[in-house]
Amino acid sequence: MSYATAALATYQNMLGTLDHLVGKASEHEKGVALLESRLAEDMYPLHTQIRFTIGQVIVALDRLGALGLESDDSDIVDFTDARARIARTKALVANTDVASWPASDATVEFDLPNGKAFEMQAHEYIRDWAMPQFYFHLMAAYAILRKEGLTIGKADYVPFMMKYLKSPANA
């Protein structure tokens, strides 16, 4: 399996997780106020964690496929908006042709707004930069929701695993 195929499958699965979590959050008694919740004062709120999670996928697709994509940097205003953005991103992932990605050993270079510049091979970019950034923000969103009282657990974090279940767990 190529690094591109693995990355796209991972993005698809975990964007599904994000959509599932946002769906559960939309039913919570705190409602849209959840979007302002944080783990700590110096961390971004839930709406930004969701936006950053989605943005990490779009940036990776753009850097590796030179698609001219731009992340939507506007604030997420409600759960309907969040789910629409997740759906659009899932569609981008589903429509990405792995053949358009560079060879695993091709060089990927990028600069951050703080002036730091990076250079690595494409497979290193996915493994060492894009996926860790994606999971960091996804896990922050999950942790915020847990902190705010949502009844979620590992099955909500990896619901796609149920397709591999051979038999129900013993009660």
N, C-alpha and C. Protein backbone atom coordinates (compact mmCIF):
# COMPACT_ATOMS: atom_id res chain seq x y z
N MET A 1 0.84 -1.17 0.00
CA MET A 1 0.00 0.00 0.00
C MET A 1 0.89 1.24 0.00
N SER A 2 0.55 2.19 -0.81
CA SER A 2 1.35 3.42 -0.89
C SER A 2 1.06 4.34 0.28
N TYR A 3 1.98 5.26 0.53
CA TYR A 3 1.77 6.23 1.60
C TYR A 3 0.52 7.06 1.32
N ALA A 4 0.27 7.35 0.05
CA ALA A 4 -0.90 8.16 -0.32
C ALA A 4 -2.19 7.42 -0.02
N THR A 5 -2.27 6.16 -0.41
CA THR A 5 -3.46 5.35 -0.15
C THR A 5 -3.73 5.25 1.34
N ALA A 6 -2.67 4.99 2.11
CA ALA A 6 -2.82 4.89 3.57
C ALA A 6 -3.28 6.21 4.17
N ALA A 7 -2.69 7.30 3.73
CA ALA A 7 -3.05 8.62 4.28
C ALA A 7 -4.50 8.96 3.97
N LEU A 8 -4.91 8.73 2.74
CA LEU A 8 -6.28 9.07 2.36
C LEU A 8 -7.31 8.23 3.11
N ALA A 9 -7.01 6.94 3.30
CA ALA A 9 -7.91 6.08 4.06
C ALA A 9 -7.99 6.55 5.52
N THR A 10 -6.86 6.93 6.08
CA THR A 10 -6.84 7.42 7.46
C THR A 10 -7.63 8.72 7.58
N TYR A 11 -7.42 9.63 6.66
CA TYR A 11 -8.19 10.89 6.70
C TYR A 11 -9.69 10.60 6.60
N GLN A 12 -10.07 9.71 5.71
CA GLN A 12 -11.49 9.40 5.54
C GLN A 12 -12.09 8.83 6.82
N ASN A 13 -11.39 7.87 7.42
CA ASN A 13 -11.87 7.27 8.67
C ASN A 13 -11.99 8.31 9.78
N MET A 14 -10.95 9.08 9.97
CA MET A 14 -10.93 9.98 11.12
C MET A 14 -11.78 11.24 10.90
N LEU A 15 -11.99 11.64 9.66
CA LEU A 15 -12.98 12.70 9.41
C LEU A 15 -14.38 12.17 9.74
N GLY A 16 -14.60 10.89 9.50
CA GLY A 16 -15.85 10.26 9.92
C GLY A 16 -16.00 10.31 11.44
N THR A 17 -14.90 10.07 12.14
CA THR A 17 -14.91 10.19 13.60
C THR A 17 -15.26 11.61 14.01
N LEU A 18 -14.62 12.59 13.39
CA LEU A 18 -14.90 13.99 13.73
C LEU A 18 -16.37 14.31 13.49
N ASP A 19 -16.91 13.86 12.37
CA ASP A 19 -18.32 14.10 12.07
C ASP A 19 -19.22 13.44 13.13
N HIS A 20 -18.88 12.22 13.52
CA HIS A 20 -19.64 11.51 14.55
C HIS A 20 -19.61 12.29 15.87
N LEU A 21 -18.44 12.77 16.26
CA LEU A 21 -18.32 13.53 17.51
C LEU A 21 -19.09 14.83 17.45
N VAL A 22 -18.99 15.53 16.33
CA VAL A 22 -19.73 16.79 16.17
C VAL A 22 -21.23 16.52 16.19
N GLY A 23 -21.66 15.42 15.59
CA GLY A 23 -23.07 15.05 15.63
C GLY A 23 -23.55 14.83 17.05
N LYS A 24 -22.76 14.13 17.85
CA LYS A 24 -23.13 13.92 19.26
C LYS A 24 -23.13 15.24 20.02
N ALA A 25 -22.15 16.09 19.73
CA ALA A 25 -22.07 17.39 20.40
C ALA A 25 -23.30 18.24 20.09
N SER A 26 -23.81 18.12 18.87
CA SER A 26 -24.96 18.94 18.47
C SER A 26 -26.22 18.58 19.26
N GLU A 27 -26.23 17.40 19.86
CA GLU A 27 -27.39 16.95 20.64
C GLU A 27 -27.22 17.22 22.14
N HIS A 28 -26.08 17.75 22.53
CA HIS A 28 -25.79 17.98 23.95
C HIS A 28 -26.56 19.19 24.47
N GLU A 29 -26.91 19.14 25.74
CA GLU A 29 -27.71 20.22 26.37
C GLU A 29 -27.03 21.58 26.32
N LYS A 30 -25.71 21.63 26.25
CA LYS A 30 -25.01 22.92 26.19
C LYS A 30 -25.09 23.55 24.82
N GLY A 31 -25.47 22.76 23.83
CA GLY A 31 -25.66 23.27 22.48
C GLY A 31 -24.43 23.94 21.90
N VAL A 32 -24.69 25.01 21.15
CA VAL A 32 -23.64 25.71 20.43
C VAL A 32 -22.60 26.34 21.37
N ALA A 33 -22.96 26.52 22.63
CA ALA A 33 -22.00 27.06 23.60
C ALA A 33 -20.78 26.14 23.75
N LEU A 34 -20.93 24.86 23.43
CA LEU A 34 -19.80 23.93 23.47
C LEU A 34 -18.66 24.39 22.58
N LEU A 35 -18.99 25.07 21.50
CA LEU A 35 -17.97 25.48 20.55
C LEU A 35 -16.94 26.43 21.16
N GLU A 36 -17.29 27.09 22.26
CA GLU A 36 -16.35 28.00 22.93
C GLU A 36 -15.55 27.31 24.03
N SER A 37 -15.82 26.05 24.30
CA SER A 37 -15.14 25.31 25.37
C SER A 37 -13.69 25.05 25.02
N ARG A 38 -12.85 25.02 26.07
CA ARG A 38 -11.42 24.78 25.92
C ARG A 38 -10.96 23.79 26.96
N LEU A 39 -9.82 23.16 26.71
CA LEU A 39 -9.19 22.32 27.73
C LEU A 39 -8.47 23.18 28.75
N ALA A 40 -7.83 24.23 28.28
CA ALA A 40 -7.08 25.15 29.14
C ALA A 40 -7.18 26.54 28.53
N GLU A 41 -7.00 27.55 29.34
CA GLU A 41 -7.13 28.93 28.87
C GLU A 41 -6.21 29.26 27.70
N ASP A 42 -5.02 28.65 27.68
CA ASP A 42 -4.07 28.98 26.62
C ASP A 42 -4.20 28.07 25.40
N MET A 43 -5.28 27.29 25.34
CA MET A 43 -5.54 26.43 24.19
C MET A 43 -6.72 26.98 23.39
N TYR A 44 -6.77 26.59 22.14
CA TYR A 44 -7.87 27.04 21.27
C TYR A 44 -9.18 26.37 21.67
N PRO A 45 -10.31 27.05 21.42
CA PRO A 45 -11.62 26.47 21.72
C PRO A 45 -12.00 25.38 20.71
N LEU A 46 -13.06 24.68 21.02
CA LEU A 46 -13.52 23.57 20.20
C LEU A 46 -13.71 23.98 18.74
N HIS A 47 -14.35 25.11 18.48
CA HIS A 47 -14.60 25.48 17.08
C HIS A 47 -13.30 25.61 16.31
N THR A 48 -12.24 26.09 16.96
CA THR A 48 -10.95 26.22 16.29
C THR A 48 -10.28 24.85 16.14
N GLN A 49 -10.41 23.98 17.13
CA GLN A 49 -9.84 22.64 17.02
C GLN A 49 -10.48 21.88 15.85
N ILE A 50 -11.78 22.04 15.68
CA ILE A 50 -12.47 21.40 14.55
C ILE A 50 -11.95 21.98 13.23
N ARG A 51 -11.86 23.30 13.18
CA ARG A 51 -11.39 23.97 11.96
C ARG A 51 -9.96 23.56 11.63
N PHE A 52 -9.10 23.51 12.65
CA PHE A 52 -7.71 23.11 12.43
C PHE A 52 -7.61 21.65 11.98
N THR A 53 -8.45 20.77 12.53
CA THR A 53 -8.43 19.36 12.12
C THR A 53 -8.73 19.26 10.63
N ILE A 54 -9.78 19.93 10.21
CA ILE A 54 -10.16 19.94 8.80
C ILE A 54 -9.07 20.58 7.96
N GLY A 55 -8.55 21.69 8.44
CA GLY A 55 -7.52 22.42 7.71
C GLY A 55 -6.25 21.61 7.49
N GLN A 56 -5.90 20.77 8.45
CA GLN A 56 -4.70 19.94 8.29
C GLN A 56 -4.83 19.01 7.09
N VAL A 57 -6.02 18.50 6.86
CA VAL A 57 -6.25 17.63 5.71
C VAL A 57 -6.11 18.43 4.42
N ILE A 58 -6.75 19.57 4.37
CA ILE A 58 -6.73 20.39 3.15
C ILE A 58 -5.31 20.83 2.82
N VAL A 59 -4.56 21.25 3.81
CA VAL A 59 -3.17 21.68 3.58
C VAL A 59 -2.35 20.51 3.06
N ALA A 60 -2.51 19.33 3.64
CA ALA A 60 -1.75 18.16 3.18
C ALA A 60 -2.12 17.81 1.73
N LEU A 61 -3.41 17.80 1.44
CA LEU A 61 -3.83 17.50 0.07
C LEU A 61 -3.24 18.51 -0.91
N ASP A 62 -3.20 19.76 -0.50
CA ASP A 62 -2.66 20.80 -1.37
C ASP A 62 -1.15 20.66 -1.54
N ARG A 63 -0.44 20.46 -0.44
CA ARG A 63 1.02 20.35 -0.53
C ARG A 63 1.46 19.15 -1.35
N LEU A 64 0.72 18.07 -1.28
CA LEU A 64 1.13 16.86 -1.99
C LEU A 64 0.54 16.76 -3.39
N GLY A 65 -0.56 17.43 -3.62
CA GLY A 65 -1.19 17.33 -4.93
C GLY A 65 -1.18 18.61 -5.72
N ALA A 66 -0.64 19.69 -5.12
CA ALA A 66 -0.59 21.00 -5.77
C ALA A 66 -1.95 21.34 -6.40
N LEU A 67 -2.99 21.25 -5.58
CA LEU A 67 -4.35 21.41 -6.08
C LEU A 67 -4.87 22.85 -6.00
N GLY A 68 -4.11 23.73 -5.39
CA GLY A 68 -4.57 25.11 -5.24
C GLY A 68 -5.68 25.25 -4.23
N LEU A 69 -5.71 24.36 -3.24
CA LEU A 69 -6.74 24.38 -2.21
C LEU A 69 -6.40 25.41 -1.13
N GLU A 70 -7.42 25.97 -0.53
CA GLU A 70 -7.23 26.86 0.61
C GLU A 70 -8.20 26.46 1.70
N SER A 71 -7.71 26.48 2.93
CA SER A 71 -8.57 26.18 4.08
C SER A 71 -9.51 27.35 4.32
N ASP A 72 -10.68 27.05 4.83
CA ASP A 72 -11.63 28.07 5.25
C ASP A 72 -11.22 28.51 6.65
N ASP A 73 -10.67 29.70 6.77
CA ASP A 73 -10.17 30.17 8.05
C ASP A 73 -11.21 30.95 8.86
N SER A 74 -12.44 30.97 8.39
CA SER A 74 -13.48 31.65 9.15
C SER A 74 -13.92 30.76 10.31
N ASP A 75 -14.40 31.38 11.38
CA ASP A 75 -14.84 30.62 12.54
C ASP A 75 -16.03 29.74 12.19
N ILE A 76 -16.06 28.59 12.80
CA ILE A 76 -17.22 27.70 12.69
C ILE A 76 -18.29 28.28 13.60
N VAL A 77 -19.48 28.50 13.06
CA VAL A 77 -20.52 29.21 13.81
C VAL A 77 -21.50 28.29 14.53
N ASP A 78 -21.66 27.06 14.03
CA ASP A 78 -22.55 26.11 14.68
C ASP A 78 -22.20 24.70 14.19
N PHE A 79 -22.90 23.72 14.72
CA PHE A 79 -22.57 22.34 14.38
C PHE A 79 -22.96 21.99 12.95
N THR A 80 -23.97 22.63 12.41
CA THR A 80 -24.35 22.41 11.02
C THR A 80 -23.22 22.87 10.11
N ASP A 81 -22.65 24.02 10.39
CA ASP A 81 -21.51 24.54 9.64
C ASP A 81 -20.34 23.57 9.75
N ALA A 82 -20.04 23.09 10.95
CA ALA A 82 -18.93 22.15 11.15
C ALA A 82 -19.13 20.89 10.31
N ARG A 83 -20.32 20.34 10.37
CA ARG A 83 -20.58 19.10 9.64
C ARG A 83 -20.53 19.31 8.13
N ALA A 84 -20.95 20.47 7.65
CA ALA A 84 -20.86 20.77 6.22
C ALA A 84 -19.40 20.85 5.78
N ARG A 85 -18.57 21.47 6.60
CA ARG A 85 -17.15 21.56 6.27
C ARG A 85 -16.49 20.18 6.29
N ILE A 86 -16.86 19.37 7.25
CA ILE A 86 -16.33 18.00 7.30
C ILE A 86 -16.75 17.24 6.05
N ALA A 87 -18.00 17.36 5.66
CA ALA A 87 -18.50 16.65 4.46
C ALA A 87 -17.75 17.10 3.21
N ARG A 88 -17.52 18.40 3.08
CA ARG A 88 -16.77 18.90 1.91
C ARG A 88 -15.35 18.34 1.91
N THR A 89 -14.75 18.26 3.08
CA THR A 89 -13.37 17.75 3.16
C THR A 89 -13.33 16.26 2.87
N LYS A 90 -14.31 15.52 3.37
CA LYS A 90 -14.39 14.09 3.05
C LYS A 90 -14.54 13.89 1.54
N ALA A 91 -15.31 14.75 0.88
CA ALA A 91 -15.48 14.65 -0.57
C ALA A 91 -14.15 14.94 -1.28
N LEU A 92 -13.41 15.93 -0.80
CA LEU A 92 -12.08 16.21 -1.37
C LEU A 92 -11.17 14.98 -1.26
N VAL A 93 -11.17 14.37 -0.09
CA VAL A 93 -10.35 13.18 0.13
C VAL A 93 -10.79 12.06 -0.81
N ALA A 94 -12.09 11.83 -0.89
CA ALA A 94 -12.62 10.74 -1.73
C ALA A 94 -12.29 10.96 -3.20
N ASN A 95 -12.20 12.21 -3.62
CA ASN A 95 -11.95 12.52 -5.03
C ASN A 95 -10.48 12.75 -5.34
N THR A 96 -9.62 12.53 -4.37
CA THR A 96 -8.18 12.72 -4.59
C THR A 96 -7.61 11.49 -5.27
N ASP A 97 -6.93 11.71 -6.36
CA ASP A 97 -6.30 10.63 -7.12
C ASP A 97 -4.90 10.41 -6.55
N VAL A 98 -4.64 9.21 -6.02
CA VAL A 98 -3.32 8.93 -5.43
C VAL A 98 -2.21 9.08 -6.47
N ALA A 99 -2.54 8.92 -7.73
CA ALA A 99 -1.53 9.07 -8.78
C ALA A 99 -1.05 10.51 -8.90
N SER A 100 -1.84 11.45 -8.38
CA SER A 100 -1.43 12.86 -8.45
C SER A 100 -0.43 13.23 -7.35
N TRP A 101 -0.25 12.35 -6.38
CA TRP A 101 0.69 12.62 -5.30
C TRP A 101 2.11 12.32 -5.77
N PRO A 102 3.07 13.01 -5.21
CA PRO A 102 4.45 12.78 -5.62
C PRO A 102 4.95 11.43 -5.12
N ALA A 103 6.05 10.99 -5.71
CA ALA A 103 6.70 9.76 -5.25
C ALA A 103 7.02 9.90 -3.77
N SER A 104 7.07 8.79 -3.09
CA SER A 104 7.33 8.76 -1.65
C SER A 104 8.58 9.52 -1.26
N ASP A 105 9.60 9.47 -2.11
CA ASP A 105 10.87 10.12 -1.79
C ASP A 105 11.01 11.53 -2.38
N ALA A 106 9.94 12.04 -2.98
CA ALA A 106 9.97 13.41 -3.50
C ALA A 106 10.09 14.40 -2.34
N THR A 107 10.70 15.53 -2.61
CA THR A 107 10.91 16.54 -1.57
C THR A 107 9.67 17.41 -1.40
N VAL A 108 9.31 17.61 -0.15
CA VAL A 108 8.23 18.53 0.21
C VAL A 108 8.87 19.62 1.07
N GLU A 109 8.67 20.86 0.67
CA GLU A 109 9.18 22.00 1.43
C GLU A 109 8.02 22.90 1.80
N PHE A 110 8.07 23.45 3.00
CA PHE A 110 7.04 24.41 3.40
C PHE A 110 7.57 25.31 4.50
N ASP A 111 6.96 26.47 4.57
CA ASP A 111 7.30 27.47 5.59
C ASP A 111 6.09 27.67 6.49
N LEU A 112 6.37 27.98 7.75
CA LEU A 112 5.32 28.31 8.70
C LEU A 112 5.27 29.83 8.87
N PRO A 113 4.14 30.34 9.33
CA PRO A 113 4.03 31.79 9.51
C PRO A 113 5.10 32.36 10.47
N ASN A 114 5.64 31.53 11.35
CA ASN A 114 6.66 32.02 12.30
C ASN A 114 8.05 32.07 11.69
N GLY A 115 8.16 31.76 10.40
CA GLY A 115 9.44 31.85 9.71
C GLY A 115 10.23 30.55 9.65
N LYS A 116 9.77 29.51 10.30
CA LYS A 116 10.47 28.23 10.24
C LYS A 116 10.19 27.56 8.90
N ALA A 117 11.25 26.96 8.35
CA ALA A 117 11.13 26.28 7.07
C ALA A 117 11.48 24.81 7.26
N PHE A 118 10.77 23.94 6.56
CA PHE A 118 10.98 22.50 6.65
C PHE A 118 11.18 21.91 5.27
N GLU A 119 11.97 20.84 5.22
CA GLU A 119 12.17 20.06 4.00
C GLU A 119 12.25 18.60 4.40
N MET A 120 11.45 17.77 3.73
CA MET A 120 11.45 16.33 4.01
C MET A 120 10.90 15.60 2.80
N GLN A 121 10.99 14.29 2.83
CA GLN A 121 10.41 13.50 1.76
C GLN A 121 8.90 13.42 1.96
N ALA A 122 8.18 13.15 0.88
CA ALA A 122 6.71 13.15 0.92
C ALA A 122 6.17 12.18 1.98
N HIS A 123 6.71 10.97 2.04
CA HIS A 123 6.22 10.02 3.03
C HIS A 123 6.56 10.49 4.45
N GLU A 124 7.67 11.17 4.63
CA GLU A 124 8.03 11.72 5.94
C GLU A 124 7.08 12.86 6.31
N TYR A 125 6.71 13.65 5.32
CA TYR A 125 5.77 14.75 5.55
C TYR A 125 4.45 14.20 6.11
N ILE A 126 3.92 13.18 5.47
CA ILE A 126 2.66 12.59 5.95
C ILE A 126 2.86 11.98 7.33
N ARG A 127 3.88 11.16 7.49
CA ARG A 127 4.10 10.42 8.75
C ARG A 127 4.49 11.34 9.90
N ASP A 128 5.39 12.28 9.66
CA ASP A 128 6.00 13.05 10.74
C ASP A 128 5.41 14.44 10.94
N TRP A 129 4.68 14.95 9.96
CA TRP A 129 4.10 16.28 10.09
C TRP A 129 2.58 16.26 9.98
N ALA A 130 2.08 15.88 8.82
CA ALA A 130 0.65 16.03 8.54
C ALA A 130 -0.23 15.20 9.48
N MET A 131 0.08 13.93 9.65
CA MET A 131 -0.75 13.09 10.52
C MET A 131 -0.66 13.50 11.99
N PRO A 132 0.53 13.75 12.54
CA PRO A 132 0.57 14.20 13.94
C PRO A 132 -0.21 15.49 14.17
N GLN A 133 -0.11 16.45 13.25
CA GLN A 133 -0.86 17.70 13.39
C GLN A 133 -2.36 17.44 13.36
N PHE A 134 -2.78 16.60 12.43
CA PHE A 134 -4.19 16.24 12.28
C PHE A 134 -4.72 15.58 13.57
N TYR A 135 -4.00 14.57 14.05
CA TYR A 135 -4.43 13.86 15.25
C TYR A 135 -4.39 14.75 16.50
N PHE A 136 -3.45 15.65 16.58
CA PHE A 136 -3.37 16.55 17.74
C PHE A 136 -4.68 17.33 17.89
N HIS A 137 -5.12 17.95 16.80
CA HIS A 137 -6.33 18.77 16.87
C HIS A 137 -7.60 17.93 17.01
N LEU A 138 -7.62 16.76 16.38
CA LEU A 138 -8.76 15.87 16.54
C LEU A 138 -8.87 15.39 17.99
N MET A 139 -7.74 15.02 18.58
CA MET A 139 -7.76 14.55 19.97
C MET A 139 -8.11 15.68 20.92
N ALA A 140 -7.66 16.90 20.62
CA ALA A 140 -8.04 18.05 21.46
C ALA A 140 -9.56 18.25 21.42
N ALA A 141 -10.16 18.13 20.24
CA ALA A 141 -11.61 18.26 20.12
C ALA A 141 -12.32 17.17 20.93
N TYR A 142 -11.83 15.94 20.81
CA TYR A 142 -12.40 14.82 21.58
C TYR A 142 -12.29 15.11 23.08
N ALA A 143 -11.12 15.54 23.53
CA ALA A 143 -10.89 15.79 24.95
C ALA A 143 -11.78 16.93 25.47
N ILE A 144 -11.97 17.95 24.69
CA ILE A 144 -12.86 19.05 25.09
C ILE A 144 -14.28 18.50 25.29
N LEU A 145 -14.73 17.71 24.36
CA LEU A 145 -16.09 17.16 24.47
C LEU A 145 -16.24 16.26 25.68
N ARG A 146 -15.23 15.46 25.97
CA ARG A 146 -15.26 14.63 27.19
C ARG A 146 -15.30 15.51 28.43
N LYS A 147 -14.45 16.52 28.44
CA LYS A 147 -14.39 17.44 29.58
C LYS A 147 -15.73 18.12 29.82
N GLU A 148 -16.45 18.39 28.75
CA GLU A 148 -17.73 19.08 28.85
C GLU A 148 -18.90 18.15 29.12
N GLY A 149 -18.61 16.86 29.33
CA GLY A 149 -19.65 15.95 29.78
C GLY A 149 -20.30 15.08 28.72
N LEU A 150 -19.81 15.11 27.49
CA LEU A 150 -20.39 14.21 26.50
C LEU A 150 -20.06 12.77 26.86
N THR A 151 -21.02 11.90 26.67
CA THR A 151 -20.82 10.48 26.92
C THR A 151 -20.22 9.88 25.65
N ILE A 152 -18.90 9.92 25.58
CA ILE A 152 -18.18 9.36 24.44
C ILE A 152 -17.01 8.54 24.97
N GLY A 153 -16.60 7.58 24.18
CA GLY A 153 -15.49 6.72 24.55
C GLY A 153 -14.75 6.25 23.32
N LYS A 154 -13.96 5.21 23.50
CA LYS A 154 -13.12 4.72 22.40
C LYS A 154 -13.96 4.30 21.20
N ALA A 155 -15.12 3.71 21.43
CA ALA A 155 -15.97 3.29 20.31
C ALA A 155 -16.43 4.49 19.48
N ASP A 156 -16.50 5.66 20.11
CA ASP A 156 -16.85 6.88 19.37
C ASP A 156 -15.65 7.44 18.63
N TYR A 157 -14.46 7.13 19.12
CA TYR A 157 -13.23 7.62 18.50
C TYR A 157 -12.84 6.77 17.29
N VAL A 158 -13.12 5.49 17.35
CA VAL A 158 -12.79 4.60 16.23
C VAL A 158 -14.01 3.78 15.78
N PRO A 159 -15.11 4.45 15.46
CA PRO A 159 -16.32 3.70 15.10
C PRO A 159 -16.15 2.86 13.83
N PHE A 160 -15.22 3.25 12.97
CA PHE A 160 -14.98 2.51 11.74
C PHE A 160 -14.45 1.11 12.00
N MET A 161 -13.98 0.84 13.21
CA MET A 161 -13.46 -0.49 13.55
C MET A 161 -14.57 -1.54 13.59
N MET A 162 -15.81 -1.11 13.76
CA MET A 162 -16.91 -2.07 13.86
C MET A 162 -17.07 -2.90 12.59
N LYS A 163 -16.59 -2.39 11.46
CA LYS A 163 -16.71 -3.18 10.23
C LYS A 163 -15.81 -4.41 10.27
N TYR A 164 -14.87 -4.46 11.20
CA TYR A 164 -13.97 -5.60 11.33
C TYR A 164 -14.40 -6.57 12.44
N LEU A 165 -15.44 -6.23 13.16
CA LEU A 165 -15.89 -7.04 14.29
C LEU A 165 -16.37 -8.41 13.81
N LYS A 166 -15.78 -9.45 14.36
CA LYS A 166 -16.17 -10.83 14.01
C LYS A 166 -17.38 -11.30 14.80
N SER A 167 -17.40 -10.95 16.09
CA SER A 167 -18.52 -11.37 16.91
C SER A 167 -18.67 -10.37 18.05
N PRO A 168 -19.87 -10.26 18.58
CA PRO A 168 -20.08 -9.32 19.70
C PRO A 168 -19.25 -9.74 20.92
N ALA A 169 -18.87 -8.78 21.71
CA ALA A 169 -18.14 -9.05 22.94
C ALA A 169 -19.04 -9.80 23.92
N ASN A 170 -18.44 -10.64 24.71
CA ASN A 170 -19.20 -11.35 25.74
C ASN A 170 -19.66 -10.37 26.80
N ALA A 171 -20.91 -10.52 27.22
CA ALA A 171 -21.46 -9.60 28.22
C ALA A 171 -21.10 -10.02 29.62
